[in-house]
Amino acid sequence: MQTGSCKFGLWRLIVSWDKTIVHQVQFVRSAPVGDVPVQFTRYLAGKSDSFAPFTSAVAAGTTTYARIYRAVAEIPYGETRTYRDIALAADTHPRVVGNAMAHNPTALLIPCHRVVAADGSLGGFTPDILIKKELLKLEAEHKASFEKSGT
């Protein structure tokens, strides 16, 4: 397993992966510097909307959380869905979706920042809601360019 980190604003993003399977993506205040797959640095710089060929280790299987993570992974770049939308897609309850998002070990690959409350509020984000705001802002700023280029 390889682990590295890169900068995102005041935070560092730790990524742990094995070949093309990602096991952890976590925002922290400090982390040892080390290379991460270029897909992560390109995404955080607004230069890519894809992590291919990387996939999340937690999206496989038949558990409720795996169904939730797959539904969240299908939310297009620059768009949001409600906890209720994801609950309906995964055949569960919105509170279960919220719990799954709070325990999502592979943020970005399972883009929990794209899941919002029905009233339009952001809901939560671990470790800081400001990260969710910045990720949504980043995607809103770059969505049109990816749509034009077809990537």
N, C-alpha and C. Protein backbone atom coordinates (compact mmCIF):
# COMPACT_ATOMS: atom_id res chain seq x y z
N MET A 1 0.85 -1.17 0.00
CA MET A 1 0.00 0.00 0.00
C MET A 1 0.89 1.23 0.00
N GLN A 2 0.50 2.24 -0.79
CA GLN A 2 1.21 3.49 -0.86
C GLN A 2 0.38 4.58 -0.18
N THR A 3 1.06 5.53 0.45
CA THR A 3 0.39 6.66 1.08
C THR A 3 1.17 7.92 0.77
N GLY A 4 0.42 8.98 0.45
CA GLY A 4 1.03 10.27 0.20
C GLY A 4 0.06 11.36 0.57
N SER A 5 0.49 12.60 0.44
CA SER A 5 -0.40 13.71 0.73
C SER A 5 -0.10 14.88 -0.18
N CYS A 6 -1.10 15.73 -0.35
CA CYS A 6 -0.94 16.94 -1.13
C CYS A 6 -1.74 18.05 -0.45
N LYS A 7 -1.50 19.28 -0.87
CA LYS A 7 -2.11 20.44 -0.23
C LYS A 7 -3.44 20.80 -0.88
N PHE A 8 -4.40 21.23 -0.04
CA PHE A 8 -5.66 21.81 -0.50
C PHE A 8 -5.99 22.94 0.46
N GLY A 9 -5.67 24.15 0.08
CA GLY A 9 -5.87 25.28 0.98
C GLY A 9 -5.04 25.12 2.24
N LEU A 10 -5.69 25.26 3.38
CA LEU A 10 -5.00 25.10 4.66
C LEU A 10 -4.91 23.64 5.09
N TRP A 11 -5.43 22.74 4.28
CA TRP A 11 -5.51 21.32 4.63
C TRP A 11 -4.53 20.52 3.80
N ARG A 12 -4.30 19.30 4.25
CA ARG A 12 -3.57 18.32 3.46
C ARG A 12 -4.52 17.16 3.21
N LEU A 13 -4.40 16.59 2.05
CA LEU A 13 -5.21 15.43 1.66
C LEU A 13 -4.31 14.21 1.69
N ILE A 14 -4.64 13.26 2.55
CA ILE A 14 -3.90 12.00 2.61
C ILE A 14 -4.62 10.99 1.72
N VAL A 15 -3.86 10.31 0.88
CA VAL A 15 -4.40 9.27 0.02
C VAL A 15 -3.60 8.00 0.25
N SER A 16 -4.33 6.89 0.50
CA SER A 16 -3.69 5.56 0.62
C SER A 16 -4.30 4.67 -0.45
N TRP A 17 -3.46 4.04 -1.25
CA TRP A 17 -3.95 3.24 -2.36
C TRP A 17 -3.03 2.06 -2.63
N ASP A 18 -3.60 1.10 -3.34
CA ASP A 18 -2.89 -0.11 -3.76
C ASP A 18 -3.31 -0.35 -5.20
N LYS A 19 -2.39 -0.19 -6.13
CA LYS A 19 -2.67 -0.26 -7.57
C LYS A 19 -3.73 0.78 -7.91
N THR A 20 -4.94 0.37 -8.26
CA THR A 20 -5.99 1.34 -8.61
C THR A 20 -7.13 1.36 -7.59
N ILE A 21 -6.92 0.72 -6.45
CA ILE A 21 -7.93 0.71 -5.39
C ILE A 21 -7.51 1.68 -4.29
N VAL A 22 -8.37 2.64 -4.01
CA VAL A 22 -8.09 3.63 -2.96
C VAL A 22 -8.77 3.19 -1.68
N HIS A 23 -8.01 3.18 -0.59
CA HIS A 23 -8.52 2.74 0.71
C HIS A 23 -8.83 3.89 1.64
N GLN A 24 -8.14 5.02 1.46
CA GLN A 24 -8.37 6.17 2.34
C GLN A 24 -8.09 7.47 1.59
N VAL A 25 -8.99 8.43 1.77
CA VAL A 25 -8.79 9.81 1.35
C VAL A 25 -9.30 10.64 2.50
N GLN A 26 -8.42 11.41 3.11
CA GLN A 26 -8.79 12.11 4.33
C GLN A 26 -8.15 13.49 4.36
N PHE A 27 -8.94 14.48 4.77
CA PHE A 27 -8.42 15.83 4.97
C PHE A 27 -7.92 15.96 6.40
N VAL A 28 -6.68 16.44 6.55
CA VAL A 28 -6.06 16.63 7.86
C VAL A 28 -5.30 17.95 7.84
N ARG A 29 -4.93 18.43 9.02
CA ARG A 29 -4.17 19.68 9.12
C ARG A 29 -2.70 19.49 8.75
N SER A 30 -2.13 18.36 9.14
CA SER A 30 -0.74 18.12 8.79
C SER A 30 -0.55 16.65 8.46
N ALA A 31 0.37 16.40 7.56
CA ALA A 31 0.67 15.02 7.15
C ALA A 31 2.05 15.02 6.51
N PRO A 32 2.72 13.91 6.58
CA PRO A 32 4.01 13.82 5.90
C PRO A 32 3.81 14.02 4.40
N VAL A 33 4.72 14.74 3.79
CA VAL A 33 4.64 14.97 2.35
C VAL A 33 5.04 13.70 1.62
N GLY A 34 4.33 13.39 0.59
CA GLY A 34 4.64 12.24 -0.25
C GLY A 34 3.77 12.31 -1.47
N ASP A 35 4.18 11.69 -2.54
CA ASP A 35 3.43 11.75 -3.78
C ASP A 35 2.07 11.09 -3.65
N VAL A 36 1.10 11.65 -4.35
CA VAL A 36 -0.23 11.05 -4.49
C VAL A 36 -0.46 10.88 -5.98
N PRO A 37 -1.41 10.03 -6.38
CA PRO A 37 -1.71 9.91 -7.80
C PRO A 37 -2.07 11.27 -8.39
N VAL A 38 -1.59 11.52 -9.58
CA VAL A 38 -1.77 12.82 -10.23
C VAL A 38 -3.26 13.18 -10.37
N GLN A 39 -4.14 12.20 -10.42
CA GLN A 39 -5.57 12.48 -10.54
C GLN A 39 -6.07 13.35 -9.38
N PHE A 40 -5.52 13.17 -8.21
CA PHE A 40 -5.95 13.95 -7.04
C PHE A 40 -5.45 15.38 -7.11
N THR A 41 -4.20 15.58 -7.48
CA THR A 41 -3.69 16.94 -7.58
C THR A 41 -4.36 17.69 -8.72
N ARG A 42 -4.64 17.02 -9.82
CA ARG A 42 -5.33 17.66 -10.94
C ARG A 42 -6.75 18.05 -10.54
N TYR A 43 -7.45 17.17 -9.84
CA TYR A 43 -8.81 17.48 -9.39
C TYR A 43 -8.78 18.71 -8.46
N LEU A 44 -7.91 18.70 -7.48
CA LEU A 44 -7.86 19.79 -6.51
C LEU A 44 -7.42 21.12 -7.13
N ALA A 45 -6.77 21.06 -8.29
CA ALA A 45 -6.37 22.27 -9.00
C ALA A 45 -7.44 22.71 -10.01
N GLY A 46 -8.55 21.97 -10.09
CA GLY A 46 -9.61 22.31 -11.04
C GLY A 46 -9.27 21.94 -12.47
N LYS A 47 -8.34 21.00 -12.66
CA LYS A 47 -7.90 20.62 -14.00
C LYS A 47 -8.48 19.30 -14.48
N SER A 48 -9.21 18.59 -13.62
CA SER A 48 -9.80 17.32 -14.00
C SER A 48 -11.04 17.05 -13.16
N ASP A 49 -11.98 16.33 -13.76
CA ASP A 49 -13.19 15.93 -13.04
C ASP A 49 -13.23 14.42 -12.84
N SER A 50 -12.10 13.74 -13.06
CA SER A 50 -12.07 12.29 -13.01
C SER A 50 -10.90 11.78 -12.17
N PHE A 51 -11.14 10.64 -11.52
CA PHE A 51 -10.08 9.96 -10.79
C PHE A 51 -9.71 8.64 -11.46
N ALA A 52 -10.25 8.38 -12.64
CA ALA A 52 -9.99 7.14 -13.36
C ALA A 52 -8.49 6.94 -13.53
N PRO A 53 -8.03 5.74 -13.35
CA PRO A 53 -8.73 4.47 -13.19
C PRO A 53 -8.98 4.09 -11.73
N PHE A 54 -8.78 5.01 -10.80
CA PHE A 54 -8.92 4.69 -9.39
C PHE A 54 -10.38 4.51 -8.97
N THR A 55 -10.60 3.55 -8.09
CA THR A 55 -11.93 3.30 -7.53
C THR A 55 -11.80 3.16 -6.01
N SER A 56 -12.93 3.31 -5.34
CA SER A 56 -12.95 3.20 -3.89
C SER A 56 -13.13 1.76 -3.45
N ALA A 57 -12.38 1.38 -2.46
CA ALA A 57 -12.49 0.03 -1.91
C ALA A 57 -13.84 -0.22 -1.25
N VAL A 58 -14.51 0.84 -0.78
CA VAL A 58 -15.75 0.65 -0.02
C VAL A 58 -17.01 0.60 -0.88
N ALA A 59 -16.89 0.81 -2.18
CA ALA A 59 -18.08 0.81 -3.04
C ALA A 59 -18.46 -0.59 -3.51
N ALA A 60 -17.62 -1.57 -3.25
CA ALA A 60 -17.91 -2.94 -3.68
C ALA A 60 -18.77 -3.65 -2.63
N GLY A 61 -19.55 -4.59 -3.06
CA GLY A 61 -20.32 -5.40 -2.13
C GLY A 61 -21.80 -5.09 -2.13
N THR A 62 -22.51 -5.73 -1.22
CA THR A 62 -23.97 -5.62 -1.18
C THR A 62 -24.49 -4.97 0.08
N THR A 63 -23.61 -4.46 0.93
CA THR A 63 -24.07 -3.84 2.17
C THR A 63 -24.81 -2.54 1.87
N THR A 64 -25.56 -2.06 2.83
CA THR A 64 -26.28 -0.80 2.68
C THR A 64 -25.30 0.33 2.40
N TYR A 65 -24.21 0.39 3.14
CA TYR A 65 -23.22 1.44 2.91
C TYR A 65 -22.64 1.35 1.51
N ALA A 66 -22.34 0.16 1.02
CA ALA A 66 -21.79 0.02 -0.33
C ALA A 66 -22.79 0.54 -1.37
N ARG A 67 -24.09 0.25 -1.17
CA ARG A 67 -25.12 0.77 -2.10
C ARG A 67 -25.15 2.29 -2.04
N ILE A 68 -25.05 2.84 -0.85
CA ILE A 68 -25.04 4.30 -0.68
C ILE A 68 -23.81 4.89 -1.38
N TYR A 69 -22.65 4.32 -1.13
CA TYR A 69 -21.41 4.85 -1.72
C TYR A 69 -21.46 4.79 -3.25
N ARG A 70 -22.03 3.73 -3.82
CA ARG A 70 -22.16 3.66 -5.27
C ARG A 70 -23.10 4.74 -5.79
N ALA A 71 -24.21 4.97 -5.08
CA ALA A 71 -25.17 6.01 -5.50
C ALA A 71 -24.51 7.39 -5.44
N VAL A 72 -23.73 7.65 -4.41
CA VAL A 72 -23.05 8.94 -4.28
C VAL A 72 -21.99 9.08 -5.37
N ALA A 73 -21.28 8.00 -5.68
CA ALA A 73 -20.25 8.05 -6.71
C ALA A 73 -20.83 8.40 -8.08
N GLU A 74 -22.11 8.19 -8.27
CA GLU A 74 -22.75 8.50 -9.56
C GLU A 74 -23.20 9.95 -9.69
N ILE A 75 -23.08 10.74 -8.62
CA ILE A 75 -23.46 12.16 -8.71
C ILE A 75 -22.46 12.85 -9.63
N PRO A 76 -22.94 13.48 -10.70
CA PRO A 76 -22.00 14.13 -11.63
C PRO A 76 -21.23 15.29 -11.00
N TYR A 77 -20.04 15.50 -11.50
CA TYR A 77 -19.18 16.61 -11.10
C TYR A 77 -19.97 17.91 -11.21
N GLY A 78 -19.90 18.72 -10.16
CA GLY A 78 -20.56 20.02 -10.17
C GLY A 78 -22.04 20.00 -9.85
N GLU A 79 -22.58 18.84 -9.51
CA GLU A 79 -23.99 18.73 -9.16
C GLU A 79 -24.11 18.22 -7.72
N THR A 80 -25.30 18.38 -7.16
CA THR A 80 -25.57 17.86 -5.82
C THR A 80 -26.83 17.02 -5.85
N ARG A 81 -26.97 16.19 -4.82
CA ARG A 81 -28.18 15.42 -4.58
C ARG A 81 -28.47 15.53 -3.09
N THR A 82 -29.71 15.31 -2.72
CA THR A 82 -30.07 15.37 -1.31
C THR A 82 -29.84 14.00 -0.66
N TYR A 83 -29.81 14.04 0.66
CA TYR A 83 -29.72 12.78 1.41
C TYR A 83 -30.89 11.88 1.05
N ARG A 84 -32.06 12.48 0.84
CA ARG A 84 -33.26 11.72 0.46
C ARG A 84 -33.08 11.08 -0.93
N ASP A 85 -32.54 11.83 -1.89
CA ASP A 85 -32.29 11.28 -3.23
C ASP A 85 -31.42 10.03 -3.15
N ILE A 86 -30.36 10.12 -2.36
CA ILE A 86 -29.44 8.99 -2.23
C ILE A 86 -30.12 7.84 -1.50
N ALA A 87 -30.91 8.16 -0.48
CA ALA A 87 -31.64 7.12 0.25
C ALA A 87 -32.57 6.36 -0.67
N LEU A 88 -33.27 7.06 -1.53
CA LEU A 88 -34.17 6.39 -2.48
C LEU A 88 -33.39 5.51 -3.45
N ALA A 89 -32.27 6.00 -3.93
CA ALA A 89 -31.45 5.22 -4.87
C ALA A 89 -30.85 3.98 -4.21
N ALA A 90 -30.56 4.07 -2.92
CA ALA A 90 -29.91 2.95 -2.20
C ALA A 90 -30.89 2.14 -1.37
N ASP A 91 -32.18 2.46 -1.45
CA ASP A 91 -33.22 1.75 -0.72
C ASP A 91 -32.96 1.74 0.79
N THR A 92 -32.82 2.96 1.33
CA THR A 92 -32.58 3.10 2.76
C THR A 92 -33.18 4.43 3.24
N HIS A 93 -32.81 4.86 4.41
CA HIS A 93 -33.34 6.08 5.03
C HIS A 93 -32.30 7.21 4.94
N PRO A 94 -32.74 8.47 4.79
CA PRO A 94 -31.79 9.58 4.71
C PRO A 94 -30.81 9.66 5.90
N ARG A 95 -31.25 9.29 7.08
CA ARG A 95 -30.33 9.33 8.23
C ARG A 95 -29.21 8.30 8.09
N VAL A 96 -29.53 7.17 7.47
CA VAL A 96 -28.50 6.16 7.22
C VAL A 96 -27.49 6.71 6.21
N VAL A 97 -27.99 7.45 5.22
CA VAL A 97 -27.10 8.09 4.26
C VAL A 97 -26.17 9.08 4.97
N GLY A 98 -26.72 9.89 5.85
CA GLY A 98 -25.91 10.83 6.61
C GLY A 98 -24.83 10.13 7.42
N ASN A 99 -25.20 9.03 8.04
CA ASN A 99 -24.23 8.26 8.82
C ASN A 99 -23.13 7.70 7.91
N ALA A 100 -23.52 7.19 6.75
CA ALA A 100 -22.54 6.66 5.80
C ALA A 100 -21.59 7.76 5.33
N MET A 101 -22.14 8.96 5.09
CA MET A 101 -21.29 10.06 4.65
C MET A 101 -20.31 10.46 5.75
N ALA A 102 -20.75 10.44 6.99
CA ALA A 102 -19.88 10.78 8.11
C ALA A 102 -18.74 9.78 8.28
N HIS A 103 -18.94 8.56 7.78
CA HIS A 103 -17.92 7.51 7.91
C HIS A 103 -17.26 7.16 6.59
N ASN A 104 -17.44 7.99 5.58
CA ASN A 104 -16.88 7.74 4.25
C ASN A 104 -15.35 7.79 4.31
N PRO A 105 -14.68 6.68 4.08
CA PRO A 105 -13.22 6.69 4.17
C PRO A 105 -12.52 7.17 2.90
N THR A 106 -13.28 7.36 1.83
CA THR A 106 -12.65 7.74 0.56
C THR A 106 -13.34 8.96 -0.04
N ALA A 107 -13.29 10.07 0.71
CA ALA A 107 -13.83 11.33 0.20
C ALA A 107 -13.23 11.62 -1.18
N LEU A 108 -13.91 12.36 -1.97
CA LEU A 108 -13.61 12.70 -3.35
C LEU A 108 -13.98 11.55 -4.28
N LEU A 109 -13.45 10.35 -4.06
CA LEU A 109 -13.88 9.22 -4.90
C LEU A 109 -15.36 8.91 -4.65
N ILE A 110 -15.75 8.93 -3.40
CA ILE A 110 -17.16 8.89 -3.02
C ILE A 110 -17.45 10.34 -2.61
N PRO A 111 -17.94 11.16 -3.55
CA PRO A 111 -17.98 12.60 -3.34
C PRO A 111 -19.09 13.06 -2.39
N CYS A 112 -18.90 12.77 -1.12
CA CYS A 112 -19.89 13.10 -0.11
C CYS A 112 -20.13 14.60 -0.01
N HIS A 113 -19.20 15.41 -0.50
CA HIS A 113 -19.42 16.85 -0.51
C HIS A 113 -20.57 17.25 -1.43
N ARG A 114 -20.98 16.36 -2.32
CA ARG A 114 -22.09 16.64 -3.25
C ARG A 114 -23.45 16.27 -2.68
N VAL A 115 -23.49 15.78 -1.44
CA VAL A 115 -24.75 15.41 -0.80
C VAL A 115 -25.14 16.53 0.16
N VAL A 116 -26.34 17.07 -0.04
CA VAL A 116 -26.82 18.22 0.74
C VAL A 116 -28.19 17.92 1.33
N ALA A 117 -28.60 18.76 2.26
CA ALA A 117 -29.91 18.62 2.89
C ALA A 117 -31.01 19.08 1.93
N ALA A 118 -32.21 18.60 2.16
CA ALA A 118 -33.35 18.93 1.31
C ALA A 118 -33.65 20.42 1.29
N ASP A 119 -33.35 21.12 2.37
CA ASP A 119 -33.61 22.56 2.43
C ASP A 119 -32.50 23.40 1.79
N GLY A 120 -31.53 22.73 1.17
CA GLY A 120 -30.45 23.42 0.50
C GLY A 120 -29.23 23.67 1.37
N SER A 121 -29.36 23.43 2.68
CA SER A 121 -28.18 23.60 3.54
C SER A 121 -27.18 22.50 3.24
N LEU A 122 -25.96 22.73 3.61
CA LEU A 122 -24.89 21.80 3.24
C LEU A 122 -24.88 20.50 4.02
N GLY A 123 -25.51 20.45 5.17
CA GLY A 123 -25.39 19.26 6.00
C GLY A 123 -24.06 19.32 6.71
N GLY A 124 -23.34 18.23 6.75
CA GLY A 124 -22.06 18.20 7.45
C GLY A 124 -20.93 17.80 6.54
N PHE A 125 -19.71 17.86 7.09
CA PHE A 125 -18.52 17.38 6.39
C PHE A 125 -17.42 17.25 7.42
N THR A 126 -16.76 16.12 7.42
CA THR A 126 -15.68 15.87 8.37
C THR A 126 -14.36 16.10 7.65
N PRO A 127 -13.46 16.88 8.17
CA PRO A 127 -13.40 17.45 9.50
C PRO A 127 -13.92 18.89 9.59
N ASP A 128 -14.27 19.53 8.44
CA ASP A 128 -14.66 20.94 8.49
C ASP A 128 -15.59 21.26 7.33
N ILE A 129 -16.73 21.86 7.61
CA ILE A 129 -17.71 22.19 6.58
C ILE A 129 -17.13 23.14 5.54
N LEU A 130 -16.12 23.92 5.89
CA LEU A 130 -15.50 24.83 4.92
C LEU A 130 -14.86 24.07 3.76
N ILE A 131 -14.39 22.86 4.00
CA ILE A 131 -13.83 22.03 2.92
C ILE A 131 -14.93 21.71 1.92
N LYS A 132 -16.11 21.34 2.42
CA LYS A 132 -17.23 21.03 1.55
C LYS A 132 -17.58 22.25 0.69
N LYS A 133 -17.64 23.41 1.31
CA LYS A 133 -17.93 24.64 0.57
C LYS A 133 -16.89 24.88 -0.52
N GLU A 134 -15.62 24.70 -0.20
CA GLU A 134 -14.55 24.93 -1.18
C GLU A 134 -14.60 23.91 -2.33
N LEU A 135 -14.90 22.66 -2.01
CA LEU A 135 -15.01 21.64 -3.06
C LEU A 135 -16.17 21.94 -4.00
N LEU A 136 -17.31 22.32 -3.44
CA LEU A 136 -18.47 22.67 -4.27
C LEU A 136 -18.18 23.91 -5.12
N LYS A 137 -17.49 24.87 -4.54
CA LYS A 137 -17.12 26.08 -5.28
C LYS A 137 -16.16 25.74 -6.42
N LEU A 138 -15.17 24.91 -6.14
CA LEU A 138 -14.21 24.47 -7.16
C LEU A 138 -14.94 23.82 -8.33
N GLU A 139 -15.86 22.91 -8.02
CA GLU A 139 -16.58 22.21 -9.08
C GLU A 139 -17.49 23.15 -9.86
N ALA A 140 -18.15 24.07 -9.18
CA ALA A 140 -19.02 25.03 -9.86
C ALA A 140 -18.22 25.90 -10.83
N GLU A 141 -17.02 26.28 -10.43
CA GLU A 141 -16.17 27.13 -11.27
C GLU A 141 -15.66 26.42 -12.51
N HIS A 142 -15.48 25.10 -12.44
CA HIS A 142 -14.84 24.38 -13.54
C HIS A 142 -15.76 23.45 -14.32
N LYS A 143 -16.98 23.29 -13.87
CA LYS A 143 -17.92 22.35 -14.52
C LYS A 143 -18.09 22.65 -16.00
N ALA A 144 -18.33 23.89 -16.35
CA ALA A 144 -18.59 24.25 -17.75
C ALA A 144 -17.42 23.89 -18.65
N SER A 145 -16.19 24.09 -18.17
CA SER A 145 -15.03 23.78 -19.01
C SER A 145 -14.93 22.28 -19.29
N PHE A 146 -15.32 21.45 -18.33
CA PHE A 146 -15.28 20.00 -18.56
C PHE A 146 -16.39 19.56 -19.48
N GLU A 147 -17.55 20.22 -19.39
CA GLU A 147 -18.66 19.90 -20.28
C GLU A 147 -18.30 20.24 -21.72
N LYS A 148 -17.62 21.38 -21.94
CA LYS A 148 -17.22 21.80 -23.28
C LYS A 148 -16.18 20.87 -23.86
N SER A 149 -15.25 20.42 -23.02
CA SER A 149 -14.16 19.57 -23.52
C SER A 149 -14.56 18.11 -23.63
N GLY A 150 -15.70 17.75 -23.00
CA GLY A 150 -16.16 16.36 -23.08
C GLY A 150 -15.43 15.41 -22.17
N THR A 151 -14.71 15.92 -21.16
CA THR A 151 -14.00 15.02 -20.23
C THR A 151 -14.83 14.73 -19.02
